[in-house]
Amino acid sequence: MKDRKLASRYARALLDALGSDSVSAERTDEFLTALSSAIDESAALRGQLLDPAVSRSARIDTLRSLAEANGLPRQIGNFFAAVVEHNRVSSLGAIAEVFHEEREAAMGIVPAEIRTASPLSDELRDRARRALEQLTGRKVRLSTEVEPALIGGAVTRIGSQIYDGSLRTQLAQLRRKMTEE
């Protein structure tokens, strides 16, 4: 939880620093996601950025040069300098995740998840997304997950709201009613 709060502060500060430049925000979002993956996958990069034996200025230079090489605005380099100065490089993955969520929220996009017992066809997935957009009045980024234990039906989560139309839940409710009678 603490890491998430910290990541939120940094992500919001970066979003504010970029202002209304949606192109820079989108490119920064993509860059942060790629950087987070690269840190996870590359021992050399991870060592360069997280090893306390590497000077702060060398870590800042590495991050700034990566940002410049990807054509990102000057604010990103300044952001990375602050991240390194405050020893928050290990939180870059969480910052990238929160930055993505905050950017989508600013664009009016709401994340939703549908869990089903079997995979959804592209047509059903599209119909579900449109229905959720109609329900929320906002654009929806839909992710799907297969959970065979549901038996049938679906469980949908939009923010903190959960709609449970699974066969598993319906059977459990029927079982409770039968044992009460």
C-alpha atoms as a PDB file:
ATOM      1  CA  MET A   1       0.000   0.000   0.000  1.00  0.00           C
ATOM      2  CA  LYS A   2       2.805   2.421   0.881  1.00  0.00           C
ATOM      3  CA  ASP A   3       4.488   1.797  -2.484  1.00  0.00           C
ATOM      4  CA  ARG A   4       1.198   2.497  -4.274  1.00  0.00           C
ATOM      5  CA  LYS A   5       0.724   5.806  -2.403  1.00  0.00           C
ATOM      6  CA  LEU A   6       4.268   6.815  -3.198  1.00  0.00           C
ATOM      7  CA  ALA A   7       3.860   5.827  -6.850  1.00  0.00           C
ATOM      8  CA  SER A   8       0.646   7.869  -7.029  1.00  0.00           C
ATOM      9  CA  ARG A   9       2.435  11.017  -5.871  1.00  0.00           C
ATOM     10  CA  TYR A  10       5.198  10.630  -8.426  1.00  0.00           C
ATOM     11  CA  ALA A  11       2.842   9.662 -11.258  1.00  0.00           C
ATOM     12  CA  ARG A  12       0.525  12.609 -10.613  1.00  0.00           C
ATOM     13  CA  ALA A  13       3.474  15.000 -10.388  1.00  0.00           C
ATOM     14  CA  LEU A  14       4.767  13.756 -13.737  1.00  0.00           C
ATOM     15  CA  LEU A  15       1.339  14.031 -15.320  1.00  0.00           C
ATOM     16  CA  ASP A  16       1.036  17.598 -13.993  1.00  0.00           C
ATOM     17  CA  ALA A  17       4.511  18.456 -15.302  1.00  0.00           C
ATOM     18  CA  LEU A  18       3.502  17.315 -18.785  1.00  0.00           C
ATOM     19  CA  GLY A  19       0.408  19.514 -18.648  1.00  0.00           C
ATOM     20  CA  SER A  20      -2.123  19.203 -21.446  1.00  0.00           C
ATOM     21  CA  ASP A  21       0.335  17.705 -23.947  1.00  0.00           C
ATOM     22  CA  SER A  22      -1.461  14.413 -24.597  1.00  0.00           C
ATOM     23  CA  VAL A  23       1.115  13.241 -27.157  1.00  0.00           C
ATOM     24  CA  SER A  24       3.958  13.579 -24.648  1.00  0.00           C
ATOM     25  CA  ALA A  25       1.844  11.894 -21.979  1.00  0.00           C
ATOM     26  CA  GLU A  26       1.142   8.944 -24.281  1.00  0.00           C
ATOM     27  CA  ARG A  27       4.800   8.603 -25.298  1.00  0.00           C
ATOM     28  CA  THR A  28       5.869   8.898 -21.657  1.00  0.00           C
ATOM     29  CA  ASP A  29       3.349   6.217 -20.695  1.00  0.00           C
ATOM     30  CA  GLU A  30       4.741   3.856 -23.336  1.00  0.00           C
ATOM     31  CA  PHE A  31       8.324   4.676 -22.329  1.00  0.00           C
ATOM     32  CA  LEU A  32       7.720   4.118 -18.606  1.00  0.00           C
ATOM     33  CA  THR A  33       6.055   0.767 -19.311  1.00  0.00           C
ATOM     34  CA  ALA A  34       8.951  -0.309 -21.544  1.00  0.00           C
ATOM     35  CA  LEU A  35      11.524   0.936 -19.018  1.00  0.00           C
ATOM     36  CA  SER A  36       9.837  -0.981 -16.215  1.00  0.00           C
ATOM     37  CA  SER A  37       9.925  -4.173 -18.297  1.00  0.00           C
ATOM     38  CA  ALA A  38      13.538  -3.567 -19.280  1.00  0.00           C
ATOM     39  CA  ILE A  39      14.560  -3.127 -15.644  1.00  0.00           C
ATOM     40  CA  ASP A  40      12.812  -6.391 -14.763  1.00  0.00           C
ATOM     41  CA  GLU A  41      14.406  -8.286 -17.655  1.00  0.00           C
ATOM     42  CA  SER A  42      17.921  -6.806 -17.856  1.00  0.00           C
ATOM     43  CA  ALA A  43      20.337  -7.518 -15.027  1.00  0.00           C
ATOM     44  CA  ALA A  44      22.788  -4.974 -16.488  1.00  0.00           C
ATOM     45  CA  LEU A  45      20.215  -2.150 -16.515  1.00  0.00           C
ATOM     46  CA  ARG A  46      18.919  -3.169 -13.100  1.00  0.00           C
ATOM     47  CA  GLY A  47      22.474  -3.071 -11.750  1.00  0.00           C
ATOM     48  CA  GLN A  48      23.158   0.320 -13.340  1.00  0.00           C
ATOM     49  CA  LEU A  49      20.025   1.859 -11.844  1.00  0.00           C
ATOM     50  CA  LEU A  50      19.693   0.098  -8.485  1.00  0.00           C
ATOM     51  CA  ASP A  51      23.256  -0.618  -7.372  1.00  0.00           C
ATOM     52  CA  PRO A  52      24.214   1.859  -4.609  1.00  0.00           C
ATOM     53  CA  ALA A  53      27.848   1.633  -5.788  1.00  0.00           C
ATOM     54  CA  VAL A  54      26.834   3.433  -9.005  1.00  0.00           C
ATOM     55  CA  SER A  55      26.838   7.184  -8.441  1.00  0.00           C
ATOM     56  CA  ARG A  56      23.607   9.113  -8.495  1.00  0.00           C
ATOM     57  CA  SER A  57      24.847  11.271 -11.331  1.00  0.00           C
ATOM     58  CA  ALA A  58      25.594   8.165 -13.434  1.00  0.00           C
ATOM     59  CA  ARG A  59      22.077   6.812 -12.768  1.00  0.00           C
ATOM     60  CA  ILE A  60      20.527  10.172 -13.647  1.00  0.00           C
ATOM     61  CA  ASP A  61      22.624  10.361 -16.832  1.00  0.00           C
ATOM     62  CA  THR A  62      21.525   6.856 -17.834  1.00  0.00           C
ATOM     63  CA  LEU A  63      17.832   7.644 -17.380  1.00  0.00           C
ATOM     64  CA  ARG A  64      18.104  11.067 -19.019  1.00  0.00           C
ATOM     65  CA  SER A  65      19.922   9.649 -22.042  1.00  0.00           C
ATOM     66  CA  LEU A  66      17.271   6.921 -22.414  1.00  0.00           C
ATOM     67  CA  ALA A  67      14.529   9.573 -22.283  1.00  0.00           C
ATOM     68  CA  GLU A  68      16.341  11.833 -24.773  1.00  0.00           C
ATOM     69  CA  ALA A  69      17.011   8.908 -27.125  1.00  0.00           C
ATOM     70  CA  ASN A  70      13.254   8.285 -27.182  1.00  0.00           C
ATOM     71  CA  GLY A  71      12.467  11.933 -27.925  1.00  0.00           C
ATOM     72  CA  LEU A  72      10.777  12.631 -24.617  1.00  0.00           C
ATOM     73  CA  PRO A  73      10.444  16.177 -23.258  1.00  0.00           C
ATOM     74  CA  ARG A  74      12.946  17.723 -20.841  1.00  0.00           C
ATOM     75  CA  GLN A  75      10.508  17.302 -17.932  1.00  0.00           C
ATOM     76  CA  ILE A  76      11.041  13.532 -18.067  1.00  0.00           C
ATOM     77  CA  GLY A  77      14.763  13.945 -17.457  1.00  0.00           C
ATOM     78  CA  ASN A  78      14.020  16.228 -14.518  1.00  0.00           C
ATOM     79  CA  PHE A  79      11.519  13.704 -13.218  1.00  0.00           C
ATOM     80  CA  PHE A  80      14.124  10.933 -13.360  1.00  0.00           C
ATOM     81  CA  ALA A  81      16.614  13.148 -11.516  1.00  0.00           C
ATOM     82  CA  ALA A  82      14.079  13.571  -8.691  1.00  0.00           C
ATOM     83  CA  VAL A  83      13.370   9.821  -8.648  1.00  0.00           C
ATOM     84  CA  VAL A  84      17.082   9.022  -8.318  1.00  0.00           C
ATOM     85  CA  GLU A  85      17.752  11.791  -5.765  1.00  0.00           C
ATOM     86  CA  HIS A  86      14.988  10.429  -3.526  1.00  0.00           C
ATOM     87  CA  ASN A  87      16.099   6.784  -3.953  1.00  0.00           C
ATOM     88  CA  ARG A  88      12.851   5.763  -5.672  1.00  0.00           C
ATOM     89  CA  VAL A  89      14.247   3.987  -8.747  1.00  0.00           C
ATOM     90  CA  SER A  90      13.010   0.667  -7.365  1.00  0.00           C
ATOM     91  CA  SER A  91       9.477   2.118  -7.505  1.00  0.00           C
ATOM     92  CA  LEU A  92       9.586   2.899 -11.242  1.00  0.00           C
ATOM     93  CA  GLY A  93       7.424  -0.138 -12.070  1.00  0.00           C
ATOM     94  CA  ALA A  94       4.681   0.983  -9.682  1.00  0.00           C
ATOM     95  CA  ILE A  95       5.020   4.585 -10.888  1.00  0.00           C
ATOM     96  CA  ALA A  96       4.616   3.415 -14.512  1.00  0.00           C
ATOM     97  CA  GLU A  97       1.490   1.444 -13.615  1.00  0.00           C
ATOM     98  CA  VAL A  98      -0.125   4.326 -11.723  1.00  0.00           C
ATOM     99  CA  PHE A  99       0.895   6.819 -14.433  1.00  0.00           C
ATOM    100  CA  HIS A 100      -0.932   4.675 -16.999  1.00  0.00           C
ATOM    101  CA  GLU A 101      -4.057   4.473 -14.824  1.00  0.00           C
ATOM    102  CA  GLU A 102      -4.031   8.208 -14.071  1.00  0.00           C
ATOM    103  CA  ARG A 103      -3.543   9.115 -17.729  1.00  0.00           C
ATOM    104  CA  GLU A 104      -6.457   6.903 -18.752  1.00  0.00           C
ATOM    105  CA  ALA A 105      -8.637   8.369 -15.994  1.00  0.00           C
ATOM    106  CA  ALA A 106      -7.788  11.877 -17.223  1.00  0.00           C
ATOM    107  CA  MET A 107      -8.900  10.782 -20.697  1.00  0.00           C
ATOM    108  CA  GLY A 108     -12.202   9.456 -19.315  1.00  0.00           C
ATOM    109  CA  ILE A 109     -11.291   5.795 -19.745  1.00  0.00           C
ATOM    110  CA  VAL A 110     -12.392   3.365 -17.049  1.00  0.00           C
ATOM    111  CA  PRO A 111     -10.812  -0.086 -16.647  1.00  0.00           C
ATOM    112  CA  ALA A 112     -13.130  -3.085 -16.490  1.00  0.00           C
ATOM    113  CA  GLU A 113     -12.517  -6.793 -16.118  1.00  0.00           C
ATOM    114  CA  ILE A 114     -14.705  -9.711 -17.123  1.00  0.00           C
ATOM    115  CA  ARG A 115     -13.997 -13.199 -15.788  1.00  0.00           C
ATOM    116  CA  THR A 116     -15.729 -16.028 -17.626  1.00  0.00           C
ATOM    117  CA  ALA A 117     -15.680 -19.812 -17.468  1.00  0.00           C
ATOM    118  CA  SER A 118     -14.503 -20.055 -21.082  1.00  0.00           C
ATOM    119  CA  PRO A 119     -12.791 -17.616 -23.467  1.00  0.00           C
ATOM    120  CA  LEU A 120     -14.933 -14.903 -25.043  1.00  0.00           C
ATOM    121  CA  SER A 121     -15.074 -14.585 -28.808  1.00  0.00           C
ATOM    122  CA  ASP A 122     -14.011 -11.237 -30.266  1.00  0.00           C
ATOM    123  CA  GLU A 123     -17.661 -10.461 -31.033  1.00  0.00           C
ATOM    124  CA  LEU A 124     -18.818 -11.151 -27.459  1.00  0.00           C
ATOM    125  CA  ARG A 125     -15.887  -9.201 -26.050  1.00  0.00           C
ATOM    126  CA  ASP A 126     -16.799  -6.215 -28.241  1.00  0.00           C
ATOM    127  CA  ARG A 127     -20.491  -6.437 -27.277  1.00  0.00           C
ATOM    128  CA  ALA A 128     -19.546  -6.589 -23.589  1.00  0.00           C
ATOM    129  CA  ARG A 129     -17.279  -3.542 -23.937  1.00  0.00           C
ATOM    130  CA  ARG A 130     -20.038  -1.565 -25.687  1.00  0.00           C
ATOM    131  CA  ALA A 131     -22.584  -2.576 -23.022  1.00  0.00           C
ATOM    132  CA  LEU A 132     -20.206  -1.480 -20.260  1.00  0.00           C
ATOM    133  CA  GLU A 133     -19.563   1.813 -22.033  1.00  0.00           C
ATOM    134  CA  GLN A 134     -23.293   2.374 -22.187  1.00  0.00           C
ATOM    135  CA  LEU A 135     -23.650   1.457 -18.496  1.00  0.00           C
ATOM    136  CA  THR A 136     -20.831   3.753 -17.346  1.00  0.00           C
ATOM    137  CA  GLY A 137     -21.225   6.512 -19.902  1.00  0.00           C
ATOM    138  CA  ARG A 138     -17.431   6.381 -20.370  1.00  0.00           C
ATOM    139  CA  LYS A 139     -14.960   4.683 -22.657  1.00  0.00           C
ATOM    140  CA  VAL A 140     -13.969   1.269 -21.256  1.00  0.00           C
ATOM    141  CA  ARG A 141     -10.622  -0.543 -21.406  1.00  0.00           C
ATOM    142  CA  LEU A 142     -11.741  -4.152 -21.087  1.00  0.00           C
ATOM    143  CA  SER A 143      -9.585  -7.038 -19.958  1.00  0.00           C
ATOM    144  CA  THR A 144     -10.787 -10.614 -19.864  1.00  0.00           C
ATOM    145  CA  GLU A 145      -9.757 -13.578 -17.784  1.00  0.00           C
ATOM    146  CA  VAL A 146     -10.802 -17.212 -17.961  1.00  0.00           C
ATOM    147  CA  GLU A 147     -11.768 -18.777 -14.624  1.00  0.00           C
ATOM    148  CA  PRO A 148     -13.181 -22.302 -15.154  1.00  0.00           C
ATOM    149  CA  ALA A 149     -14.400 -22.452 -11.526  1.00  0.00           C
ATOM    150  CA  LEU A 150     -17.219 -20.043 -12.466  1.00  0.00           C
ATOM    151  CA  ILE A 151     -18.868 -22.962 -14.323  1.00  0.00           C
ATOM    152  CA  GLY A 152     -20.792 -20.527 -16.548  1.00  0.00           C
ATOM    153  CA  GLY A 153     -21.830 -16.881 -16.760  1.00  0.00           C
ATOM    154  CA  ALA A 154     -19.488 -14.020 -15.914  1.00  0.00           C
ATOM    155  CA  VAL A 155     -18.217 -11.779 -13.139  1.00  0.00           C
ATOM    156  CA  THR A 156     -17.596  -8.180 -14.174  1.00  0.00           C
ATOM    157  CA  ARG A 157     -15.660  -5.585 -12.186  1.00  0.00           C
ATOM    158  CA  ILE A 158     -15.728  -1.886 -13.023  1.00  0.00           C
ATOM    159  CA  GLY A 159     -13.712   0.019 -10.456  1.00  0.00           C
ATOM    160  CA  SER A 160     -14.972  -1.229  -7.096  1.00  0.00           C
ATOM    161  CA  GLN A 161     -18.378  -2.288  -8.469  1.00  0.00           C
ATOM    162  CA  ILE A 162     -18.814  -6.040  -9.059  1.00  0.00           C
ATOM    163  CA  TYR A 163     -21.591  -7.651 -11.089  1.00  0.00           C
ATOM    164  CA  ASP A 164     -21.698 -11.392 -10.400  1.00  0.00           C
ATOM    165  CA  GLY A 165     -23.751 -13.364 -12.890  1.00  0.00           C
ATOM    166  CA  SER A 166     -21.794 -16.574 -12.544  1.00  0.00           C
ATOM    167  CA  LEU A 167     -23.433 -19.966 -12.370  1.00  0.00           C
ATOM    168  CA  ARG A 168     -21.255 -20.751  -9.343  1.00  0.00           C
ATOM    169  CA  THR A 169     -22.842 -17.876  -7.382  1.00  0.00           C
ATOM    170  CA  GLN A 170     -26.360 -18.728  -8.538  1.00  0.00           C
ATOM    171  CA  LEU A 171     -25.888 -22.340  -7.407  1.00  0.00           C
ATOM    172  CA  ALA A 172     -24.527 -21.170  -4.043  1.00  0.00           C
ATOM    173  CA  GLN A 173     -27.586 -18.930  -3.549  1.00  0.00           C
ATOM    174  CA  LEU A 174     -29.918 -21.795  -4.458  1.00  0.00           C
ATOM    175  CA  ARG A 175     -28.082 -24.086  -2.016  1.00  0.00           C
ATOM    176  CA  ARG A 176     -28.500 -21.491   0.794  1.00  0.00           C
ATOM    177  CA  LYS A 177     -32.214 -21.130   0.087  1.00  0.00           C
ATOM    178  CA  MET A 178     -32.735 -24.894   0.097  1.00  0.00           C
ATOM    179  CA  THR A 179     -30.916 -25.339   3.423  1.00  0.00           C
ATOM    180  CA  GLU A 180     -32.967 -22.517   4.998  1.00  0.00           C
ATOM    181  CA  GLU A 181     -36.277 -24.158   4.108  1.00  0.00           C
END
